[in-house]
Full PDB file with SEQRES, HELIX, SHEET, SSBOND, CRYST1, ORIGX, SCALE, CONECT and MASTER records, all heavy atoms in Angstrom:
SEQRES   1 A   33  GLY TYR GLU ALA ILE ILE VAL MET LEU VAL GLY GLY VAL          
SEQRES   2 A   33  LEU LEU ALA MET PRO PHE THR ILE ALA SER TYR TYR LEU          
SEQRES   3 A   33  ALA ASN ILE THR ILE VAL LYS                                  
HELIX    1 AA1 TYR A    2  VAL A   32  1                                  31    
CRYST1    1.000    1.000    1.000  90.00  90.00  90.00 P 1           1          
ORIGX1      1.000000  0.000000  0.000000        0.00000                         
ORIGX2      0.000000  1.000000  0.000000        0.00000                         
ORIGX3      0.000000  0.000000  1.000000        0.00000                         
SCALE1      1.000000  0.000000  0.000000        0.00000                         
SCALE2      0.000000  1.000000  0.000000        0.00000                         
SCALE3      0.000000  0.000000  1.000000        0.00000                         
ATOM      1  N   GLY A   1     -16.810  19.335  71.636  1.00  0.00           N  
ATOM      2  CA  GLY A   1     -16.455  18.036  72.198  1.00  0.00           C  
ATOM      3  C   GLY A   1     -17.086  17.831  73.561  1.00  0.00           C  
ATOM      4  O   GLY A   1     -17.526  18.771  74.217  1.00  0.00           O  
ATOM      5  N   TYR A   2     -17.117  16.589  73.983  1.00  0.00           N  
ATOM      6  CA  TYR A   2     -17.789  16.254  75.228  1.00  0.00           C  
ATOM      7  C   TYR A   2     -17.084  16.847  76.444  1.00  0.00           C  
ATOM      8  O   TYR A   2     -17.730  17.191  77.435  1.00  0.00           O  
ATOM      9  CB  TYR A   2     -17.961  14.738  75.373  1.00  0.00           C  
ATOM     10  CG  TYR A   2     -16.713  14.012  75.802  1.00  0.00           C  
ATOM     11  CD1 TYR A   2     -16.482  13.759  77.149  1.00  0.00           C  
ATOM     12  CD2 TYR A   2     -15.769  13.600  74.871  1.00  0.00           C  
ATOM     13  CE1 TYR A   2     -15.332  13.098  77.559  1.00  0.00           C  
ATOM     14  CE2 TYR A   2     -14.625  12.950  75.275  1.00  0.00           C  
ATOM     15  CZ  TYR A   2     -14.412  12.691  76.620  1.00  0.00           C  
ATOM     16  OH  TYR A   2     -13.271  12.052  77.015  1.00  0.00           O  
ATOM     17  N   GLU A   3     -15.765  16.986  76.398  1.00  0.00           N  
ATOM     18  CA  GLU A   3     -15.047  17.553  77.538  1.00  0.00           C  
ATOM     19  C   GLU A   3     -15.464  19.007  77.783  1.00  0.00           C  
ATOM     20  O   GLU A   3     -15.670  19.417  78.921  1.00  0.00           O  
ATOM     21  CB  GLU A   3     -13.538  17.474  77.327  1.00  0.00           C  
ATOM     22  CG  GLU A   3     -13.016  16.054  77.354  1.00  0.00           C  
ATOM     23  CD  GLU A   3     -11.526  15.957  77.016  1.00  0.00           C  
ATOM     24  OE1 GLU A   3     -10.921  16.996  76.690  1.00  0.00           O  
ATOM     25  OE2 GLU A   3     -10.997  14.851  77.089  1.00  0.00           O  
ATOM     26  N   ALA A   4     -15.608  19.764  76.719  1.00  0.00           N  
ATOM     27  CA  ALA A   4     -16.021  21.163  76.842  1.00  0.00           C  
ATOM     28  C   ALA A   4     -17.451  21.259  77.362  1.00  0.00           C  
ATOM     29  O   ALA A   4     -17.760  22.114  78.204  1.00  0.00           O  
ATOM     30  CB  ALA A   4     -15.897  21.868  75.498  1.00  0.00           C  
ATOM     31  N   ILE A   5     -18.296  20.381  76.881  1.00  0.00           N  
ATOM     32  CA  ILE A   5     -19.688  20.379  77.326  1.00  0.00           C  
ATOM     33  C   ILE A   5     -19.751  20.034  78.814  1.00  0.00           C  
ATOM     34  O   ILE A   5     -20.485  20.666  79.576  1.00  0.00           O  
ATOM     35  CB  ILE A   5     -20.537  19.420  76.460  1.00  0.00           C  
ATOM     36  CG1 ILE A   5     -20.632  19.993  75.034  1.00  0.00           C  
ATOM     37  CG2 ILE A   5     -21.921  19.222  77.054  1.00  0.00           C  
ATOM     38  CD1 ILE A   5     -21.237  19.069  74.009  1.00  0.00           C  
ATOM     39  N   ILE A   6     -18.951  19.083  79.250  1.00  0.00           N  
ATOM     40  CA  ILE A   6     -18.903  18.720  80.671  1.00  0.00           C  
ATOM     41  C   ILE A   6     -18.409  19.896  81.500  1.00  0.00           C  
ATOM     42  O   ILE A   6     -18.995  20.229  82.534  1.00  0.00           O  
ATOM     43  CB  ILE A   6     -18.024  17.468  80.893  1.00  0.00           C  
ATOM     44  CG1 ILE A   6     -18.731  16.240  80.323  1.00  0.00           C  
ATOM     45  CG2 ILE A   6     -17.710  17.270  82.369  1.00  0.00           C  
ATOM     46  CD1 ILE A   6     -17.882  14.996  80.297  1.00  0.00           C  
ATOM     47  N   VAL A   7     -17.329  20.550  81.058  1.00  0.00           N  
ATOM     48  CA  VAL A   7     -16.789  21.709  81.786  1.00  0.00           C  
ATOM     49  C   VAL A   7     -17.860  22.788  81.930  1.00  0.00           C  
ATOM     50  O   VAL A   7     -18.085  23.316  83.029  1.00  0.00           O  
ATOM     51  CB  VAL A   7     -15.531  22.281  81.078  1.00  0.00           C  
ATOM     52  CG1 VAL A   7     -15.169  23.659  81.623  1.00  0.00           C  
ATOM     53  CG2 VAL A   7     -14.361  21.333  81.207  1.00  0.00           C  
ATOM     54  N   MET A   8     -18.531  23.120  80.847  1.00  0.00           N  
ATOM     55  CA  MET A   8     -19.513  24.204  80.878  1.00  0.00           C  
ATOM     56  C   MET A   8     -20.753  23.830  81.687  1.00  0.00           C  
ATOM     57  O   MET A   8     -21.269  24.654  82.439  1.00  0.00           O  
ATOM     58  CB  MET A   8     -19.904  24.599  79.454  1.00  0.00           C  
ATOM     59  CG  MET A   8     -18.779  25.264  78.680  1.00  0.00           C  
ATOM     60  SD  MET A   8     -18.114  26.734  79.483  1.00  0.00           S  
ATOM     61  CE  MET A   8     -19.479  27.861  79.304  1.00  0.00           C  
ATOM     62  N   LEU A   9     -21.222  22.592  81.548  1.00  0.00           N  
ATOM     63  CA  LEU A   9     -22.410  22.198  82.299  1.00  0.00           C  
ATOM     64  C   LEU A   9     -22.134  22.102  83.796  1.00  0.00           C  
ATOM     65  O   LEU A   9     -22.934  22.576  84.607  1.00  0.00           O  
ATOM     66  CB  LEU A   9     -22.970  20.875  81.776  1.00  0.00           C  
ATOM     67  CG  LEU A   9     -23.706  20.960  80.445  1.00  0.00           C  
ATOM     68  CD1 LEU A   9     -24.170  19.576  80.000  1.00  0.00           C  
ATOM     69  CD2 LEU A   9     -24.887  21.905  80.532  1.00  0.00           C  
ATOM     70  N   VAL A  10     -21.003  21.514  84.171  1.00  0.00           N  
ATOM     71  CA  VAL A  10     -20.653  21.425  85.593  1.00  0.00           C  
ATOM     72  C   VAL A  10     -20.480  22.826  86.169  1.00  0.00           C  
ATOM     73  O   VAL A  10     -21.011  23.153  87.235  1.00  0.00           O  
ATOM     74  CB  VAL A  10     -19.393  20.556  85.811  1.00  0.00           C  
ATOM     75  CG1 VAL A  10     -18.851  20.708  87.227  1.00  0.00           C  
ATOM     76  CG2 VAL A  10     -19.691  19.097  85.507  1.00  0.00           C  
ATOM     77  N   GLY A  11     -19.755  23.681  85.469  1.00  0.00           N  
ATOM     78  CA  GLY A  11     -19.570  25.054  85.924  1.00  0.00           C  
ATOM     79  C   GLY A  11     -20.887  25.812  85.999  1.00  0.00           C  
ATOM     80  O   GLY A  11     -21.134  26.558  86.948  1.00  0.00           O  
ATOM     81  N   GLY A  12     -21.748  25.611  85.008  1.00  0.00           N  
ATOM     82  CA  GLY A  12     -23.053  26.277  84.993  1.00  0.00           C  
ATOM     83  C   GLY A  12     -23.942  25.835  86.148  1.00  0.00           C  
ATOM     84  O   GLY A  12     -24.617  26.654  86.774  1.00  0.00           O  
ATOM     85  N   VAL A  13     -23.940  24.538  86.433  1.00  0.00           N  
ATOM     86  CA  VAL A  13     -24.740  24.028  87.551  1.00  0.00           C  
ATOM     87  C   VAL A  13     -24.219  24.584  88.878  1.00  0.00           C  
ATOM     88  O   VAL A  13     -24.995  25.015  89.732  1.00  0.00           O  
ATOM     89  CB  VAL A  13     -24.760  22.480  87.550  1.00  0.00           C  
ATOM     90  CG1 VAL A  13     -25.306  21.930  88.856  1.00  0.00           C  
ATOM     91  CG2 VAL A  13     -25.571  21.963  86.369  1.00  0.00           C  
ATOM     92  N   LEU A  14     -22.898  24.597  89.040  1.00  0.00           N  
ATOM     93  CA  LEU A  14     -22.316  25.149  90.272  1.00  0.00           C  
ATOM     94  C   LEU A  14     -22.641  26.638  90.427  1.00  0.00           C  
ATOM     95  O   LEU A  14     -22.912  27.105  91.529  1.00  0.00           O  
ATOM     96  CB  LEU A  14     -20.803  24.938  90.290  1.00  0.00           C  
ATOM     97  CG  LEU A  14     -20.334  23.497  90.446  1.00  0.00           C  
ATOM     98  CD1 LEU A  14     -18.809  23.408  90.286  1.00  0.00           C  
ATOM     99  CD2 LEU A  14     -20.767  22.917  91.775  1.00  0.00           C  
ATOM    100  N   LEU A  15     -22.611  27.363  89.326  1.00  0.00           N  
ATOM    101  CA  LEU A  15     -22.941  28.788  89.355  1.00  0.00           C  
ATOM    102  C   LEU A  15     -24.424  29.000  89.647  1.00  0.00           C  
ATOM    103  O   LEU A  15     -24.797  29.894  90.402  1.00  0.00           O  
ATOM    104  CB  LEU A  15     -22.566  29.436  88.016  1.00  0.00           C  
ATOM    105  CG  LEU A  15     -22.836  30.919  87.853  1.00  0.00           C  
ATOM    106  CD1 LEU A  15     -22.004  31.721  88.841  1.00  0.00           C  
ATOM    107  CD2 LEU A  15     -22.534  31.349  86.418  1.00  0.00           C  
ATOM    108  N   ALA A  16     -25.281  28.163  89.083  1.00  0.00           N  
ATOM    109  CA  ALA A  16     -26.727  28.357  89.174  1.00  0.00           C  
ATOM    110  C   ALA A  16     -27.326  27.945  90.517  1.00  0.00           C  
ATOM    111  O   ALA A  16     -28.337  28.523  90.939  1.00  0.00           O  
ATOM    112  CB  ALA A  16     -27.420  27.576  88.058  1.00  0.00           C  
ATOM    113  N   MET A  17     -26.743  26.963  91.193  1.00  0.00           N  
ATOM    114  CA  MET A  17     -27.373  26.415  92.403  1.00  0.00           C  
ATOM    115  C   MET A  17     -27.690  27.461  93.487  1.00  0.00           C  
ATOM    116  O   MET A  17     -28.825  27.508  93.959  1.00  0.00           O  
ATOM    117  CB  MET A  17     -26.537  25.274  92.985  1.00  0.00           C  
ATOM    118  CG  MET A  17     -26.628  23.994  92.171  1.00  0.00           C  
ATOM    119  SD  MET A  17     -28.313  23.458  91.810  1.00  0.00           S  
ATOM    120  CE  MET A  17     -28.894  23.037  93.432  1.00  0.00           C  
ATOM    121  N   PRO A  18     -26.739  28.284  93.913  1.00  0.00           N  
ATOM    122  CA  PRO A  18     -27.107  29.244  94.972  1.00  0.00           C  
ATOM    123  C   PRO A  18     -28.181  30.234  94.527  1.00  0.00           C  
ATOM    124  O   PRO A  18     -29.070  30.593  95.310  1.00  0.00           O  
ATOM    125  CB  PRO A  18     -25.792  29.961  95.300  1.00  0.00           C  
ATOM    126  CG  PRO A  18     -24.820  29.570  94.262  1.00  0.00           C  
ATOM    127  CD  PRO A  18     -25.331  28.369  93.561  1.00  0.00           C  
ATOM    128  N   PHE A  19     -28.139  30.659  93.271  1.00  0.00           N  
ATOM    129  CA  PHE A  19     -29.149  31.588  92.756  1.00  0.00           C  
ATOM    130  C   PHE A  19     -30.517  30.911  92.653  1.00  0.00           C  
ATOM    131  O   PHE A  19     -31.552  31.540  92.882  1.00  0.00           O  
ATOM    132  CB  PHE A  19     -28.727  32.141  91.393  1.00  0.00           C  
ATOM    133  CG  PHE A  19     -27.520  33.019  91.458  1.00  0.00           C  
ATOM    134  CD1 PHE A  19     -26.281  32.543  91.047  1.00  0.00           C  
ATOM    135  CD2 PHE A  19     -27.606  34.321  91.940  1.00  0.00           C  
ATOM    136  CE1 PHE A  19     -25.158  33.348  91.119  1.00  0.00           C  
ATOM    137  CE2 PHE A  19     -26.492  35.133  92.005  1.00  0.00           C  
ATOM    138  CZ  PHE A  19     -25.260  34.640  91.596  1.00  0.00           C  
ATOM    139  N   THR A  20     -30.520  29.634  92.314  1.00  0.00           N  
ATOM    140  CA  THR A  20     -31.763  28.876  92.201  1.00  0.00           C  
ATOM    141  C   THR A  20     -32.447  28.756  93.561  1.00  0.00           C  
ATOM    142  O   THR A  20     -33.642  29.014  93.691  1.00  0.00           O  
ATOM    143  CB  THR A  20     -31.476  27.474  91.628  1.00  0.00           C  
ATOM    144  OG1 THR A  20     -30.861  27.627  90.344  1.00  0.00           O  
ATOM    145  CG2 THR A  20     -32.744  26.659  91.497  1.00  0.00           C  
ATOM    146  N   ILE A  21     -31.683  28.362  94.559  1.00  0.00           N  
ATOM    147  CA  ILE A  21     -32.235  28.199  95.905  1.00  0.00           C  
ATOM    148  C   ILE A  21     -32.741  29.543  96.437  1.00  0.00           C  
ATOM    149  O   ILE A  21     -33.862  29.639  96.947  1.00  0.00           O  
ATOM    150  CB  ILE A  21     -31.181  27.576  96.848  1.00  0.00           C  
ATOM    151  CG1 ILE A  21     -30.879  26.140  96.388  1.00  0.00           C  
ATOM    152  CG2 ILE A  21     -31.645  27.608  98.298  1.00  0.00           C  
ATOM    153  CD1 ILE A  21     -29.633  25.533  97.002  1.00  0.00           C  
ATOM    154  N   ALA A  22     -31.924  30.577  96.284  1.00  0.00           N  
ATOM    155  CA  ALA A  22     -32.329  31.906  96.758  1.00  0.00           C  
ATOM    156  C   ALA A  22     -33.569  32.402  96.014  1.00  0.00           C  
ATOM    157  O   ALA A  22     -34.464  33.004  96.625  1.00  0.00           O  
ATOM    158  CB  ALA A  22     -31.181  32.897  96.594  1.00  0.00           C  
ATOM    159  N   SER A  23     -33.645  32.142  94.718  1.00  0.00           N  
ATOM    160  CA  SER A  23     -34.783  32.641  93.943  1.00  0.00           C  
ATOM    161  C   SER A  23     -36.087  31.964  94.345  1.00  0.00           C  
ATOM    162  O   SER A  23     -37.147  32.594  94.321  1.00  0.00           O  
ATOM    163  CB  SER A  23     -34.539  32.491  92.441  1.00  0.00           C  
ATOM    164  OG  SER A  23     -34.511  31.138  92.071  1.00  0.00           O  
ATOM    165  N   TYR A  24     -36.029  30.678  94.719  1.00  0.00           N  
ATOM    166  CA  TYR A  24     -37.256  30.007  95.176  1.00  0.00           C  
ATOM    167  C   TYR A  24     -37.812  30.726  96.402  1.00  0.00           C  
ATOM    168  O   TYR A  24     -38.986  31.093  96.446  1.00  0.00           O  
ATOM    169  CB  TYR A  24     -37.007  28.531  95.500  1.00  0.00           C  
ATOM    170  CG  TYR A  24     -38.227  27.913  96.147  1.00  0.00           C  
ATOM    171  CD1 TYR A  24     -39.294  27.468  95.369  1.00  0.00           C  
ATOM    172  CD2 TYR A  24     -38.355  27.836  97.527  1.00  0.00           C  
ATOM    173  CE1 TYR A  24     -40.438  26.957  95.949  1.00  0.00           C  
ATOM    174  CE2 TYR A  24     -39.497  27.324  98.118  1.00  0.00           C  
ATOM    175  CZ  TYR A  24     -40.533  26.884  97.331  1.00  0.00           C  
ATOM    176  OH  TYR A  24     -41.672  26.388  97.903  1.00  0.00           O  
ATOM    177  N   TYR A  25     -36.960  30.918  97.404  1.00  0.00           N  
ATOM    178  CA  TYR A  25     -37.424  31.544  98.645  1.00  0.00           C  
ATOM    179  C   TYR A  25     -37.817  33.001  98.438  1.00  0.00           C  
ATOM    180  O   TYR A  25     -38.821  33.468  98.974  1.00  0.00           O  
ATOM    181  CB  TYR A  25     -36.370  31.396  99.745  1.00  0.00           C  
ATOM    182  CG  TYR A  25     -36.257  29.971 100.203  1.00  0.00           C  
ATOM    183  CD1 TYR A  25     -35.168  29.195  99.850  1.00  0.00           C  
ATOM    184  CD2 TYR A  25     -37.269  29.383 100.956  1.00  0.00           C  
ATOM    185  CE1 TYR A  25     -35.078  27.872 100.255  1.00  0.00           C  
ATOM    186  CE2 TYR A  25     -37.188  28.063 101.365  1.00  0.00           C  
ATOM    187  CZ  TYR A  25     -36.091  27.305 101.011  1.00  0.00           C  
ATOM    188  OH  TYR A  25     -36.024  25.999 101.391  1.00  0.00           O  
ATOM    189  N   LEU A  26     -37.043  33.719  97.657  1.00  0.00           N  
ATOM    190  CA  LEU A  26     -37.361  35.114  97.382  1.00  0.00           C  
ATOM    191  C   LEU A  26     -38.686  35.243  96.632  1.00  0.00           C  
ATOM    192  O   LEU A  26     -39.525  36.096  96.975  1.00  0.00           O  
ATOM    193  CB  LEU A  26     -36.227  35.768  96.588  1.00  0.00           C  
ATOM    194  CG  LEU A  26     -36.368  37.246  96.295  1.00  0.00           C  
ATOM    195  CD1 LEU A  26     -36.389  38.039  97.602  1.00  0.00           C  
ATOM    196  CD2 LEU A  26     -35.219  37.720  95.417  1.00  0.00           C  
ATOM    197  N   ALA A  27     -38.886  34.396  95.626  1.00  0.00           N  
ATOM    198  CA  ALA A  27     -40.145  34.434  94.870  1.00  0.00           C  
ATOM    199  C   ALA A  27     -41.322  34.076  95.768  1.00  0.00           C  
ATOM    200  O   ALA A  27     -42.370  34.738  95.733  1.00  0.00           O  
ATOM    201  CB  ALA A  27     -40.071  33.476  93.676  1.00  0.00           C  
ATOM    202  N   ASN A  28     -41.166  33.057  96.590  1.00  0.00           N  
ATOM    203  CA  ASN A  28     -42.254  32.621  97.458  1.00  0.00           C  
ATOM    204  C   ASN A  28     -42.643  33.731  98.437  1.00  0.00           C  
ATOM    205  O   ASN A  28     -43.820  34.066  98.580  1.00  0.00           O  
ATOM    206  CB  ASN A  28     -41.854  31.349  98.211  1.00  0.00           C  
ATOM    207  CG  ASN A  28     -43.058  30.589  98.708  1.00  0.00           C  
ATOM    208  OD1 ASN A  28     -43.987  31.169  99.254  1.00  0.00           O  
ATOM    209  ND2 ASN A  28     -43.046  29.286  98.525  1.00  0.00           N  
ATOM    210  N   ILE A  29     -41.671  34.318  99.098  1.00  0.00           N  
ATOM    211  CA  ILE A  29     -41.939  35.400 100.049  1.00  0.00           C  
ATOM    212  C   ILE A  29     -42.589  36.584  99.348  1.00  0.00           C  
ATOM    213  O   ILE A  29     -43.571  37.159  99.831  1.00  0.00           O  
ATOM    214  CB  ILE A  29     -40.630  35.822 100.758  1.00  0.00           C  
ATOM    215  CG1 ILE A  29     -40.176  34.714 101.707  1.00  0.00           C  
ATOM    216  CG2 ILE A  29     -40.791  37.140 101.488  1.00  0.00           C  
ATOM    217  CD1 ILE A  29     -38.743  34.878 102.203  1.00  0.00           C  
ATOM    218  N   THR A  30     -42.057  36.948  98.190  1.00  0.00           N  
ATOM    219  CA  THR A  30     -42.567  38.110  97.460  1.00  0.00           C  
ATOM    220  C   THR A  30     -43.996  37.881  96.967  1.00  0.00           C  
ATOM    221  O   THR A  30     -44.844  38.778  97.085  1.00  0.00           O  
ATOM    222  CB  THR A  30     -41.639  38.443  96.278  1.00  0.00           C  
ATOM    223  OG1 THR A  30     -40.307  38.584  96.762  1.00  0.00           O  
ATOM    224  CG2 THR A  30     -42.062  39.706  95.574  1.00  0.00           C  
ATOM    225  N   ILE A  31     -44.276  36.705  96.435  1.00  0.00           N  
ATOM    226  CA  ILE A  31     -45.621  36.404  95.932  1.00  0.00           C  
ATOM    227  C   ILE A  31     -46.631  36.399  97.072  1.00  0.00           C  
ATOM    228  O   ILE A  31     -47.721  36.979  96.952  1.00  0.00           O  
ATOM    229  CB  ILE A  31     -45.627  35.055  95.165  1.00  0.00           C  
ATOM    230  CG1 ILE A  31     -44.859  35.204  93.850  1.00  0.00           C  
ATOM    231  CG2 ILE A  31     -47.054  34.569  94.908  1.00  0.00           C  
ATOM    232  CD1 ILE A  31     -44.530  33.893  93.161  1.00  0.00           C  
ATOM    233  N   VAL A  32     -46.291  35.762  98.184  1.00  0.00           N  
ATOM    234  CA  VAL A  32     -47.203  35.713  99.326  1.00  0.00           C  
ATOM    235  C   VAL A  32     -47.480  37.125  99.860  1.00  0.00           C  
ATOM    236  O   VAL A  32     -48.635  37.486 100.113  1.00  0.00           O  
ATOM    237  CB  VAL A  32     -46.655  34.775 100.433  1.00  0.00           C  
ATOM    238  CG1 VAL A  32     -47.441  34.923 101.725  1.00  0.00           C  
ATOM    239  CG2 VAL A  32     -46.676  33.329  99.951  1.00  0.00           C  
ATOM    240  N   LYS A  33     -46.436  37.943 100.007  1.00  0.00           N  
ATOM    241  CA  LYS A  33     -46.625  39.319 100.494  1.00  0.00           C  
ATOM    242  C   LYS A  33     -47.471  40.140  99.520  1.00  0.00           C  
ATOM    243  O   LYS A  33     -48.342  40.901  99.928  1.00  0.00           O  
ATOM    244  CB  LYS A  33     -45.271  40.003 100.701  1.00  0.00           C  
ATOM    245  CG  LYS A  33     -44.598  39.637 101.981  1.00  0.00           C  
ATOM    246  CD  LYS A  33     -43.324  40.455 102.151  1.00  0.00           C  
ATOM    247  CE  LYS A  33     -42.635  40.108 103.450  1.00  0.00           C  
ATOM    248  NZ  LYS A  33     -41.402  40.882 103.639  1.00  0.00           N  
TER     249      LYS A  33                                                      
MASTER        0    0    0    1    0    0    0    6  248    1    0    3          
END                                                                             
């Protein structure tokens, strides 16, 4: 149902955001080095 999909997607986005931001900077620094 749509309620479950909303719960999982909202929760997934909230979980993913800090890791996404950190991974961009970590990847950039690591690749350049």
